[in-house]
Amino acid sequence: MRPSLSSLNAFEVVSRLGSITAAADELNITQSAVSHQIRRLEATLEVSLLERAGRGVVLSHAGRRLTDGLQAGFARIEQSVAEFEVDPQGVHQRRQLRVSCLPSVAVRWLIPRLNSFREQCPDIAVSLQYAGISARGLLPEVDVMITWQDELPDKASQAFRLFSGATQPVASPLYLEHHRRPTQPADLLKLELIHDQSRQPWHDWFNNCGLYPSQLDKGDLYQDFSLLSAAVVAGQGVALCPPRLIRKELEDGTLECLFEMAANPQRAYWLFHHPQPARHVQQFCDWMRAQIAAEGEAADSGVIVSRRQP
């Protein structure tokens, strides 16, 4: 006996939201109805799919296996239906591309290039939303996710690499005018080091240079890269930044890269999409590949300016 589509749908929503209550709200049915659908599905498949965890639920091993397939399947159904959506006058609506993207990449790399995509694909409307740095796994309601990872994506993932996420130390000429210009990595320990969410990247950078400072607890801490990049441009100190995301500032001299050594060299930004993407999703992926290819790998490295004497 095959499980019903309604029970599969209920399970997919519960697995995505991690809560029967939240799933009931999204599906607009009662909690007991959601629970009934899950029990019905478990009875049909003869496996346990959910386990209680406090006030919520977590997936069993079988539940995780089923979720992976369901999320891709429901996403494909939604994409197929979207191809036939029309307005009340019977005119096909612009296809909507739902992109979840890290704020740093969205603001500093993607949005400045979107006019090019609109000119190339005027029948596609882009819906852009932020992705958290902890986001892992592509949700059904999203067509494309752009995020970074320190490891290679799972072999089952549909993904391609965009560019390096390795970070290099940069500073503003405004800051360097009032501080002794560093000539070796140890000199940075005498300067104001500013941080993006965590102080660990600076520890990693110094370790890569063969230095092991006991503490790096000084310097301001910023919640995200947008705040950090604004602070370093304003001359607040030295920051670790991915050169690709500050390309404009490096080229116009607003920021200077101080050393070639990078922190987290294994980090990269990736684009994830569902299997067998709809035509408009594939068009966006092809456009992204072309943008990356046009820039070349040289854009991943900071340009070291000639050292001026202090």
Protein backbone atom coordinates (compact mmCIF):
# COMPACT_ATOMS: atom_id res chain seq x y z
CA MET A 1 0.00 0.00 0.00
CA ARG A 2 1.38 3.38 -1.00
CA PRO A 3 1.22 6.33 1.42
CA SER A 4 -1.19 9.15 0.63
CA LEU A 5 0.07 12.46 -0.74
CA SER A 6 -1.56 14.28 2.19
CA SER A 7 0.37 12.23 4.76
CA LEU A 8 3.63 12.76 2.88
CA ASN A 9 2.96 16.48 2.70
CA ALA A 10 2.20 16.66 6.43
CA PHE A 11 5.40 14.81 7.26
CA GLU A 12 7.50 17.06 5.00
CA VAL A 13 6.17 20.18 6.73
CA VAL A 14 6.75 18.72 10.21
CA SER A 15 10.29 17.65 9.31
CA ARG A 16 11.06 21.12 7.92
CA LEU A 17 9.60 23.10 10.82
CA GLY A 18 10.49 20.67 13.61
CA SER A 19 7.11 21.10 15.26
CA ILE A 20 3.65 19.60 14.86
CA THR A 21 2.12 22.86 16.09
CA ALA A 22 3.96 24.92 13.48
CA ALA A 23 3.08 22.40 10.79
CA ALA A 24 -0.60 22.61 11.72
CA ASP A 25 -0.47 26.40 11.37
CA GLU A 26 1.16 26.20 7.93
CA LEU A 27 -1.23 23.50 6.68
CA ASN A 28 -4.24 25.23 8.27
CA ILE A 29 -5.42 22.04 10.00
CA THR A 30 -5.51 20.93 13.64
CA GLN A 31 -2.55 19.45 15.50
CA SER A 32 -4.43 16.21 15.97
CA ALA A 33 -4.99 16.01 12.21
CA VAL A 34 -1.25 16.41 11.61
CA SER A 35 -0.46 13.74 14.22
CA HIS A 36 -3.00 11.42 12.60
CA GLN A 37 -1.36 11.88 9.19
CA ILE A 38 2.08 11.09 10.64
CA ARG A 39 0.82 7.94 12.43
CA ARG A 40 -0.90 6.87 9.23
CA LEU A 41 2.31 7.32 7.26
CA GLU A 42 4.38 5.42 9.83
CA ALA A 43 1.87 2.56 9.77
CA THR A 44 1.98 2.40 5.99
CA LEU A 45 5.78 2.41 5.82
CA GLU A 46 6.15 0.31 9.01
CA VAL A 47 8.88 2.58 10.38
CA SER A 48 9.17 5.26 13.06
CA LEU A 49 9.78 8.65 11.45
CA LEU A 50 9.73 11.06 14.40
CA GLU A 51 11.04 11.10 17.95
CA ARG A 52 9.98 13.44 20.72
CA ALA A 53 12.53 16.04 21.85
CA GLY A 54 11.22 18.36 24.56
CA ARG A 55 8.30 20.28 23.10
CA GLY A 56 9.30 19.50 19.54
CA VAL A 57 10.18 16.51 17.42
CA VAL A 58 13.31 15.28 15.68
CA LEU A 59 13.70 12.96 12.75
CA SER A 60 14.68 9.35 13.14
CA HIS A 61 17.21 7.85 10.75
CA ALA A 62 14.38 6.68 8.50
CA GLY A 63 12.74 10.09 8.79
CA ARG A 64 15.88 11.85 7.58
CA ARG A 65 16.12 9.54 4.56
CA LEU A 66 12.50 10.17 3.64
CA THR A 67 12.77 13.94 4.14
CA ASP A 68 15.60 14.33 1.64
CA GLY A 69 13.53 12.81 -1.14
CA LEU A 70 10.29 14.55 -0.21
CA GLN A 71 11.76 18.05 -0.11
CA ALA A 72 13.20 17.64 -3.59
CA GLY A 73 9.96 16.08 -4.85
CA PHE A 74 7.62 18.74 -3.51
CA ALA A 75 9.94 21.47 -4.78
CA ARG A 76 9.78 19.92 -8.25
CA ILE A 77 5.97 19.77 -8.11
CA GLU A 78 5.79 23.44 -7.11
CA GLN A 79 8.18 24.42 -9.90
CA SER A 80 6.15 22.51 -12.48
CA VAL A 81 2.87 24.12 -11.40
CA ALA A 82 4.48 27.57 -11.48
CA GLU A 83 5.16 27.14 -15.18
CA PHE A 84 1.38 27.30 -15.81
CA GLU A 85 0.42 30.14 -13.50
CA VAL A 86 -1.61 32.86 -15.23
CA ASP A 87 -3.20 36.08 -14.07
CA PRO A 88 -6.99 36.73 -14.15
CA GLN A 89 -6.70 37.92 -17.76
CA GLY A 90 -5.19 34.63 -18.81
CA VAL A 91 -1.71 36.05 -19.33
CA HIS A 92 1.22 34.00 -18.08
CA GLN A 93 2.75 35.65 -15.06
CA ARG A 94 6.47 36.36 -14.76
CA ARG A 95 8.09 33.28 -13.32
CA GLN A 96 9.35 33.89 -9.81
CA LEU A 97 12.85 32.81 -8.86
CA ARG A 98 13.23 32.42 -5.10
CA VAL A 99 16.81 33.00 -4.00
CA SER A 100 18.04 32.60 -0.42
CA CYS A 101 21.42 34.28 -0.06
CA LEU A 102 23.86 35.33 2.64
CA PRO A 103 23.49 39.08 3.29
CA SER A 104 27.18 39.70 2.55
CA VAL A 105 27.00 38.07 -0.89
CA ALA A 106 23.58 39.56 -1.66
CA VAL A 107 24.58 43.15 -0.86
CA ARG A 108 28.17 43.17 -2.10
CA TRP A 109 28.14 40.78 -5.04
CA LEU A 110 24.74 39.61 -6.29
CA ILE A 111 22.54 42.73 -6.21
CA PRO A 112 25.02 44.94 -8.12
CA ARG A 113 24.90 42.37 -10.95
CA LEU A 114 21.17 41.62 -11.05
CA ASN A 115 20.42 44.20 -13.74
CA SER A 116 22.43 42.03 -16.10
CA PHE A 117 20.23 39.04 -15.27
CA ARG A 118 17.03 41.07 -15.69
CA GLU A 119 18.15 42.23 -19.12
CA GLN A 120 18.96 38.67 -20.12
CA CYS A 121 15.80 37.13 -18.62
CA PRO A 122 13.10 39.85 -18.40
CA ASP A 123 10.35 37.26 -17.84
CA ILE A 124 11.85 36.13 -14.51
CA ALA A 125 11.14 38.02 -11.28
CA VAL A 126 13.74 37.52 -8.56
CA SER A 127 12.54 37.16 -4.97
CA LEU A 128 15.59 37.60 -2.75
CA GLN A 129 15.71 36.70 0.94
CA TYR A 130 18.48 36.36 3.48
CA ALA A 131 19.98 32.99 4.36
CA GLY A 132 21.52 32.56 7.79
CA ILE A 133 25.14 31.46 8.03
CA SER A 134 23.96 28.25 9.73
CA ALA A 135 21.53 27.41 6.93
CA ARG A 136 22.14 23.89 5.67
CA GLY A 137 19.83 22.13 3.27
CA LEU A 138 17.67 23.66 0.57
CA LEU A 139 14.07 24.20 1.65
CA PRO A 140 11.23 23.40 -0.78
CA GLU A 141 10.03 27.01 -0.85
CA VAL A 142 13.44 28.18 -2.12
CA ASP A 143 14.77 27.57 -5.64
CA VAL A 144 18.39 28.54 -5.03
CA MET A 145 20.50 28.99 -1.90
CA ILE A 146 23.87 30.76 -1.82
CA THR A 147 25.95 30.17 1.30
CA TRP A 148 29.46 29.25 2.39
CA GLN A 149 30.85 25.96 3.63
CA ASP A 150 34.19 24.94 5.05
CA GLU A 151 33.71 21.43 3.68
CA LEU A 152 32.69 20.05 0.31
CA PRO A 153 28.93 19.62 -0.15
CA ASP A 154 27.45 16.17 0.26
CA LYS A 155 27.74 14.07 -2.89
CA ALA A 156 23.95 13.97 -3.14
CA SER A 157 23.72 17.78 -3.20
CA GLN A 158 23.06 19.65 -6.40
CA ALA A 159 25.61 22.44 -6.05
CA PHE A 160 28.46 24.24 -7.75
CA ARG A 161 31.26 26.35 -6.34
CA LEU A 162 31.09 30.10 -6.86
CA PHE A 163 34.28 31.52 -5.36
CA SER A 164 36.70 31.32 -2.45
CA GLY A 165 35.66 32.45 1.00
CA ALA A 166 39.21 32.69 2.35
CA THR A 167 39.81 35.96 4.19
CA GLN A 168 42.84 38.25 4.17
CA PRO A 169 43.75 41.16 6.47
CA VAL A 170 42.70 44.54 5.10
CA ALA A 171 42.68 48.10 6.40
CA SER A 172 41.73 51.55 5.25
CA PRO A 173 44.38 54.13 4.31
CA LEU A 174 42.58 56.33 6.86
CA TYR A 175 43.62 53.91 9.58
CA LEU A 176 47.13 53.31 8.24
CA GLU A 177 47.87 57.04 8.15
CA HIS A 178 47.73 57.13 11.96
CA HIS A 179 49.33 53.77 12.73
CA ARG A 180 52.64 52.17 11.88
CA ARG A 181 52.19 50.17 8.69
CA PRO A 182 52.76 46.45 9.38
CA THR A 183 55.65 44.81 7.56
CA GLN A 184 55.32 41.35 9.11
CA PRO A 185 52.35 39.42 10.55
CA ALA A 186 53.42 39.95 14.17
CA ASP A 187 53.02 43.71 13.68
CA LEU A 188 49.25 43.24 13.48
CA LEU A 189 49.21 42.30 17.16
CA LYS A 190 49.98 45.95 17.92
CA LEU A 191 47.00 47.21 15.89
CA GLU A 192 43.25 47.23 16.45
CA LEU A 193 41.85 43.93 15.16
CA ILE A 194 38.11 43.97 14.52
CA HIS A 195 35.97 40.87 14.29
CA ASP A 196 32.99 39.44 12.41
CA GLN A 197 30.80 37.45 14.86
CA SER A 198 33.76 35.52 16.26
CA ARG A 199 37.38 36.14 17.20
CA GLN A 200 38.40 32.66 16.05
CA PRO A 201 39.30 33.66 12.44
CA TRP A 202 42.05 35.94 13.69
CA HIS A 203 43.42 33.09 15.84
CA ASP A 204 43.39 30.89 12.72
CA TRP A 205 45.14 33.56 10.66
CA PHE A 206 47.97 34.03 13.16
CA ASN A 207 48.31 30.26 13.54
CA ASN A 208 48.70 29.96 9.75
CA CYS A 209 51.52 32.49 10.06
CA GLY A 210 53.23 30.40 12.75
CA LEU A 211 52.15 32.72 15.56
CA TYR A 212 50.11 31.63 18.57
CA PRO A 213 48.90 34.65 20.57
CA SER A 214 47.31 33.63 23.85
CA GLN A 215 44.46 36.15 23.65
CA LEU A 216 42.83 38.26 21.00
CA ASP A 217 39.99 39.61 23.09
CA LYS A 218 40.49 43.25 22.14
CA GLY A 219 38.85 45.00 19.24
CA ASP A 220 35.21 45.52 18.38
CA LEU A 221 32.95 42.60 17.50
CA TYR A 222 30.38 43.06 14.71
CA GLN A 223 27.30 40.92 14.17
CA ASP A 224 27.74 40.41 10.44
CA PHE A 225 30.01 41.14 7.51
CA SER A 226 28.04 44.19 6.37
CA LEU A 227 28.77 45.93 9.68
CA LEU A 228 32.36 44.74 9.72
CA SER A 229 33.08 45.98 6.19
CA ALA A 230 31.58 49.39 7.02
CA ALA A 231 33.76 49.59 10.11
CA VAL A 232 37.00 48.74 8.34
CA VAL A 233 36.25 51.24 5.54
CA ALA A 234 35.64 53.90 8.21
CA GLY A 235 39.13 53.29 9.62
CA GLN A 236 38.16 51.42 12.79
CA GLY A 237 40.94 48.85 12.49
CA VAL A 238 42.16 45.79 10.58
CA ALA A 239 39.67 43.12 9.51
CA LEU A 240 39.73 39.74 7.80
CA CYS A 241 37.62 39.96 4.63
CA PRO A 242 37.07 37.81 1.51
CA PRO A 243 38.69 39.81 -1.33
CA ARG A 244 35.90 38.92 -3.76
CA LEU A 245 33.36 40.75 -1.59
CA ILE A 246 35.44 43.91 -1.24
CA ARG A 247 36.74 43.98 -4.82
CA LYS A 248 35.52 47.51 -5.48
CA GLU A 249 37.18 48.90 -2.35
CA LEU A 250 40.47 47.15 -3.15
CA GLU A 251 40.46 48.46 -6.71
CA ASP A 252 39.67 52.08 -5.83
CA GLY A 253 42.06 52.16 -2.87
CA THR A 254 39.41 52.50 -0.16
CA LEU A 255 40.89 49.36 1.39
CA GLU A 256 44.35 47.82 1.19
CA CYS A 257 45.25 44.16 1.56
CA LEU A 258 48.14 43.89 4.01
CA PHE A 259 49.34 40.28 3.63
CA GLU A 260 48.78 37.42 1.21
CA MET A 261 48.32 34.85 3.98
CA ALA A 262 44.65 33.89 4.34
CA ALA A 263 42.52 32.49 7.12
CA ASN A 264 40.13 29.57 6.45
CA PRO A 265 41.56 28.82 2.97
CA GLN A 266 39.22 25.82 2.70
CA ARG A 267 36.09 28.01 2.80
CA ALA A 268 34.09 28.58 -0.38
CA TYR A 269 30.76 30.03 -1.42
CA TRP A 270 28.39 27.57 -3.11
CA LEU A 271 25.13 27.71 -5.02
CA PHE A 272 22.64 24.94 -4.19
CA HIS A 273 19.55 24.05 -6.24
CA HIS A 274 17.04 21.21 -6.39
CA PRO A 275 17.52 18.22 -8.71
CA GLN A 276 16.12 18.69 -12.21
CA PRO A 277 15.63 22.44 -11.81
CA ALA A 278 12.90 24.27 -13.72
CA ARG A 279 13.98 26.15 -16.83
CA HIS A 280 14.05 29.57 -15.14
CA VAL A 281 16.15 28.19 -12.28
CA GLN A 282 18.58 26.67 -14.75
CA GLN A 283 18.78 30.03 -16.56
CA PHE A 284 19.81 31.72 -13.32
CA CYS A 285 22.41 29.03 -12.59
CA ASP A 286 23.87 29.41 -16.10
CA TRP A 287 23.99 33.18 -15.65
CA MET A 288 25.79 32.80 -12.31
CA ARG A 289 28.37 30.48 -13.86
CA ALA A 290 28.99 33.02 -16.62
CA GLN A 291 29.45 35.84 -14.10
CA ILE A 292 32.01 33.84 -12.13
CA ALA A 293 33.87 32.76 -15.25
CA ALA A 294 34.06 36.36 -16.51
CA GLU A 295 35.67 37.55 -13.28
CA GLY A 296 38.22 34.75 -13.11
CA GLU A 297 39.96 33.29 -10.08
CA ALA A 298 42.23 36.33 -9.72
CA ALA A 299 39.32 38.13 -8.05
CA ASP A 300 39.68 35.76 -5.09
CA SER A 301 43.00 37.29 -4.04
CA GLY A 302 43.72 40.65 -2.50
CA VAL A 303 46.21 42.91 -4.27
CA ILE A 304 49.11 43.73 -2.01
CA VAL A 305 50.04 47.39 -2.39
CA SER A 306 53.65 48.50 -2.32
CA ARG A 307 54.84 49.18 1.21
CA ARG A 308 55.37 52.82 2.09
CA GLN A 309 57.97 53.60 4.67
CA PRO A 310 56.48 54.45 8.10
